[in-house]
Amino acid sequence: MGTTLKPSPNLRPLCAWQPTGRSFRWLAAAWCVVLFSTQVAAQSSAVSPGIFVCVDAKGRRITSDRPIPECLDREQRELSATGITKRIVPPSLTGDERARDEALAQQEVAARNKEADAKRRDRALLARYPSQRHHDAEREKQLSLVDGAIVVIEQRGGALRKQQQSIQDEMEFYKADPAKAPAWLKHRAADNAEQQANQKRLVADQMDEKKRINARFDEELARLKQLLGTAAAPR
């Protein structure tokens, strides 16, 4: 159904004015016609829907009162009721194009997050180590803790070696035929050997830990020197 346009009631007082004289009456009538036409055009523009026009991939010209699905991959024109172009609707992105743009957006977000994380780490590093002296002291502290653990492990290893010597002394009675040694003695010898192997692995692990600590502090120190140099540079 069409929309019935009615003149605005605001026009009535102007058109109801009846000046005296033929020329004045003619002028007032002309003015009323202009106002009425303007009002009708404005109302028509406000209520009339846009008209979408495009040429699809097969070369067909399509017209619709809404965006045209067949032309989502190409430009569409939205026309007013009088045929004037109101706007140009750009083509919609394809699935691959949307995926590409989303991937680029995710990469940008990841890059910004990485940069923000790096800045946070830098601030934390400077807050913890205001100078290289503080950093060196912390390195020594961490390494001394590992050295202390190694001392304890080696002490335990020394006790196990003494125990091994005692076991060997007892096994001397069965030197001619070790198979005749009692089961408890064999079990004790096997347990001692296993514990000594574990102690050696523990020492190796602690030595690896010292390497990791030094590597971490070396990396931190390189960055700390850069930050301290930047902080000390004149602005």
Protein backbone atom coordinates (compact mmCIF):
# COMPACT_ATOMS: atom_id res chain seq x y z
CA MET A 1 0.00 0.00 0.00
CA GLY A 2 1.21 3.49 -0.84
CA THR A 3 1.79 6.13 1.78
CA THR A 4 -0.64 9.07 1.68
CA LEU A 5 1.21 12.33 2.12
CA LYS A 6 -0.57 15.17 3.85
CA PRO A 7 0.61 18.73 3.95
CA SER A 8 1.93 19.92 7.24
CA PRO A 9 -0.58 21.81 9.39
CA ASN A 10 2.10 24.48 9.75
CA LEU A 11 1.28 25.65 6.23
CA ARG A 12 -2.31 26.46 7.03
CA PRO A 13 -1.80 29.74 8.87
CA LEU A 14 0.34 31.09 6.01
CA CYS A 15 -2.07 30.00 3.31
CA ALA A 16 -5.05 31.19 5.34
CA TRP A 17 -3.72 34.73 5.23
CA GLN A 18 -5.72 36.70 2.66
CA PRO A 19 -4.04 40.02 1.88
CA THR A 20 -6.00 42.71 0.14
CA GLY A 21 -5.26 43.60 -3.42
CA ARG A 22 -4.98 41.39 -6.49
CA SER A 23 -1.17 41.42 -6.67
CA PHE A 24 -0.83 40.60 -3.01
CA ARG A 25 -3.32 37.76 -3.26
CA TRP A 26 -1.41 36.32 -6.22
CA LEU A 27 1.89 36.55 -4.33
CA ALA A 28 0.42 34.82 -1.28
CA ALA A 29 -1.01 32.00 -3.39
CA ALA A 30 2.36 31.44 -5.10
CA TRP A 31 4.11 31.38 -1.73
CA CYS A 32 1.68 28.79 -0.43
CA VAL A 33 2.33 26.59 -3.48
CA VAL A 34 6.12 26.75 -2.90
CA LEU A 35 5.78 25.89 0.77
CA PHE A 36 3.39 23.06 0.05
CA SER A 37 5.68 21.56 -2.62
CA THR A 38 8.69 21.76 -0.31
CA GLN A 39 6.78 20.08 2.51
CA VAL A 40 5.55 17.29 0.26
CA ALA A 41 9.05 16.68 -1.15
CA ALA A 42 10.55 16.52 2.33
CA GLN A 43 7.91 14.07 3.53
CA SER A 44 8.33 11.97 0.42
CA SER A 45 12.10 11.81 0.90
CA ALA A 46 11.66 10.86 4.55
CA VAL A 47 9.21 8.02 4.03
CA SER A 48 10.25 6.59 0.67
CA PRO A 49 12.66 3.65 0.84
CA GLY A 50 15.95 3.58 -1.06
CA ILE A 51 16.33 1.75 -4.34
CA PHE A 52 19.39 -0.48 -4.77
CA VAL A 53 20.79 -0.98 -8.27
CA CYS A 54 23.67 -3.10 -9.51
CA VAL A 55 24.90 -5.24 -12.39
CA ASP A 56 25.59 -8.81 -11.31
CA ALA A 57 28.33 -11.17 -12.50
CA LYS A 58 26.16 -12.25 -15.47
CA GLY A 59 25.71 -8.68 -16.65
CA ARG A 60 22.10 -8.38 -15.48
CA ARG A 61 20.91 -5.07 -14.09
CA ILE A 62 19.07 -5.76 -10.82
CA THR A 63 16.92 -3.36 -8.85
CA SER A 64 15.61 -3.93 -5.36
CA ASP A 65 14.36 -2.06 -2.30
CA ARG A 66 17.11 -3.65 -0.18
CA PRO A 67 20.77 -4.67 -0.66
CA ILE A 68 21.02 -7.22 -3.46
CA PRO A 69 22.52 -10.62 -2.47
CA GLU A 70 23.67 -11.32 -6.06
CA CYS A 71 25.85 -8.21 -5.92
CA LEU A 72 27.48 -8.60 -2.53
CA ASP A 73 30.81 -9.06 -4.30
CA ARG A 74 30.50 -5.81 -6.22
CA GLU A 75 29.50 -2.19 -5.84
CA GLN A 76 25.85 -1.25 -5.44
CA ARG A 77 24.18 2.16 -5.73
CA GLU A 78 21.39 3.26 -3.47
CA LEU A 79 19.07 5.72 -5.23
CA SER A 80 16.47 8.06 -3.85
CA ALA A 81 12.89 8.04 -5.07
CA THR A 82 13.84 10.72 -7.59
CA GLY A 83 16.71 8.62 -9.00
CA ILE A 84 19.53 10.54 -7.35
CA THR A 85 22.40 8.45 -5.96
CA LYS A 86 22.25 8.63 -2.17
CA ARG A 87 25.32 6.49 -1.50
CA ILE A 88 27.61 3.84 -2.93
CA VAL A 89 27.55 0.51 -1.10
CA PRO A 90 31.01 -1.10 -1.37
CA PRO A 91 31.31 -4.82 -2.10
CA SER A 92 31.23 -7.19 0.87
CA LEU A 93 34.32 -9.22 1.69
CA THR A 94 34.57 -12.84 0.60
CA GLY A 95 35.16 -15.59 3.14
CA ASP A 96 38.87 -15.73 2.27
CA GLU A 97 39.17 -11.96 2.52
CA ARG A 98 37.45 -11.91 5.90
CA ALA A 99 39.70 -14.70 7.13
CA ARG A 100 42.75 -12.78 5.90
CA ASP A 101 41.66 -9.58 7.62
CA GLU A 102 40.87 -11.46 10.84
CA ALA A 103 44.29 -13.11 10.76
CA LEU A 104 45.98 -9.75 10.26
CA ALA A 105 43.95 -8.26 13.10
CA GLN A 106 44.94 -11.14 15.39
CA GLN A 107 48.60 -10.68 14.45
CA GLU A 108 48.38 -6.99 15.29
CA VAL A 109 46.78 -7.77 18.65
CA ALA A 110 49.45 -10.39 19.38
CA ALA A 111 52.19 -7.92 18.46
CA ARG A 112 50.71 -5.24 20.72
CA ASN A 113 50.36 -7.74 23.58
CA LYS A 114 53.95 -8.88 23.09
CA GLU A 115 55.17 -5.30 23.16
CA ALA A 116 53.13 -4.58 26.30
CA ASP A 117 54.52 -7.72 28.00
CA ALA A 118 58.07 -6.67 27.13
CA LYS A 119 57.50 -3.24 28.66
CA ARG A 120 56.08 -4.81 31.82
CA ARG A 121 59.10 -7.11 32.09
CA ASP A 122 61.42 -4.14 31.64
CA ARG A 123 59.68 -2.19 34.38
CA ALA A 124 59.80 -5.21 36.70
CA LEU A 125 63.51 -5.75 35.95
CA LEU A 126 64.38 -2.14 36.77
CA ALA A 127 62.25 -2.22 39.92
CA ARG A 128 64.00 -5.38 41.15
CA TYR A 129 67.54 -4.41 40.12
CA PRO A 130 68.11 -0.65 40.27
CA SER A 131 71.78 -1.24 39.44
CA GLN A 132 74.08 -3.97 38.17
CA ARG A 133 75.40 -4.38 41.71
CA HIS A 134 71.96 -5.54 42.86
CA HIS A 135 71.77 -7.94 39.95
CA ASP A 136 75.21 -9.42 40.65
CA ALA A 137 74.30 -9.90 44.30
CA GLU A 138 71.13 -11.78 43.40
CA ARG A 139 73.05 -14.02 41.00
CA GLU A 140 75.54 -14.92 43.73
CA LYS A 141 72.69 -15.63 46.12
CA GLN A 142 70.97 -18.01 43.69
CA LEU A 143 74.22 -19.80 42.88
CA SER A 144 75.14 -20.15 46.56
CA LEU A 145 71.83 -21.90 47.24
CA VAL A 146 72.63 -24.44 44.54
CA ASP A 147 76.17 -24.87 45.85
CA GLY A 148 74.73 -25.54 49.30
CA ALA A 149 72.49 -28.24 47.89
CA ILE A 150 75.47 -29.81 46.11
CA VAL A 151 77.42 -29.89 49.39
CA VAL A 152 74.57 -31.75 51.10
CA ILE A 153 74.33 -34.24 48.24
CA GLU A 154 78.08 -34.85 48.24
CA GLN A 155 78.04 -35.39 52.00
CA ARG A 156 75.39 -38.02 51.51
CA GLY A 157 77.52 -39.50 48.74
CA GLY A 158 80.50 -39.70 51.09
CA ALA A 159 78.42 -41.60 53.63
CA LEU A 160 77.28 -44.02 50.95
CA ARG A 161 80.86 -44.62 49.84
CA LYS A 162 81.82 -45.48 53.41
CA GLN A 163 78.87 -47.83 53.57
CA GLN A 164 80.01 -49.39 50.32
CA GLN A 165 83.45 -50.01 51.80
CA SER A 166 81.86 -51.75 54.77
CA ILE A 167 79.81 -53.93 52.44
CA GLN A 168 82.89 -54.84 50.45
CA ASP A 169 84.72 -55.81 53.62
CA GLU A 170 81.91 -58.19 54.52
CA MET A 171 81.85 -59.58 50.98
CA GLU A 172 85.53 -60.56 51.43
CA PHE A 173 84.31 -63.67 53.28
CA TYR A 174 82.58 -64.76 50.07
CA LYS A 175 85.29 -63.69 47.68
CA ALA A 176 85.90 -67.23 46.49
CA ASP A 177 82.20 -67.76 45.74
CA PRO A 178 80.10 -64.47 45.87
CA ALA A 179 76.97 -66.50 45.17
CA LYS A 180 77.15 -67.86 48.69
CA ALA A 181 76.79 -64.38 50.22
CA PRO A 182 73.56 -64.01 52.23
CA ALA A 183 70.58 -62.33 50.61
CA TRP A 184 70.52 -59.41 53.03
CA LEU A 185 74.11 -58.58 52.16
CA LYS A 186 73.43 -58.74 48.46
CA HIS A 187 70.37 -56.53 48.90
CA ARG A 188 72.41 -54.06 50.91
CA ALA A 189 75.07 -53.90 48.21
CA ALA A 190 72.48 -53.36 45.46
CA ASP A 191 70.68 -50.66 47.46
CA ASN A 192 73.96 -48.85 48.10
CA ALA A 193 74.86 -48.87 44.42
CA GLU A 194 71.42 -47.52 43.48
CA GLN A 195 71.62 -44.72 46.03
CA GLN A 196 75.08 -43.67 44.86
CA ALA A 197 73.79 -43.52 41.29
CA ASN A 198 70.91 -41.31 42.43
CA GLN A 199 73.32 -39.00 44.25
CA LYS A 200 75.39 -38.62 41.09
CA ARG A 201 72.24 -37.72 39.12
CA LEU A 202 71.31 -35.16 41.76
CA VAL A 203 74.72 -33.52 41.52
CA ALA A 204 74.43 -33.42 37.72
CA ASP A 205 70.98 -31.83 38.01
CA GLN A 206 72.31 -29.15 40.32
CA MET A 207 75.18 -28.41 37.96
CA ASP A 208 72.64 -28.00 35.15
CA GLU A 209 70.67 -25.67 37.41
CA LYS A 210 73.74 -23.50 37.87
CA LYS A 211 74.08 -23.28 34.09
CA ARG A 212 70.42 -22.24 33.77
CA ILE A 213 70.81 -19.60 36.47
CA ASN A 214 73.89 -18.13 34.82
CA ALA A 215 72.22 -18.13 31.41
CA ARG A 216 69.13 -16.36 32.80
CA PHE A 217 71.17 -13.77 34.66
CA ASP A 218 73.38 -13.20 31.63
CA GLU A 219 70.30 -12.48 29.52
CA GLU A 220 68.82 -10.23 32.19
CA LEU A 221 72.10 -8.37 32.61
CA ALA A 222 72.35 -7.61 28.91
CA ARG A 223 68.85 -6.10 28.94
CA LEU A 224 69.44 -4.36 32.28
CA LYS A 225 72.51 -2.61 30.91
CA GLN A 226 70.45 -1.33 28.00
CA LEU A 227 67.71 -0.08 30.30
CA LEU A 228 70.15 1.53 32.72
CA GLY A 229 71.90 3.19 29.83
CA THR A 230 68.59 4.49 28.50
CA ALA A 231 67.56 5.69 31.94
CA ALA A 232 70.86 7.47 32.42
CA ALA A 233 70.83 9.09 28.98
CA PRO A 234 69.94 12.83 28.97
CA ARG A 235 66.46 13.67 27.80
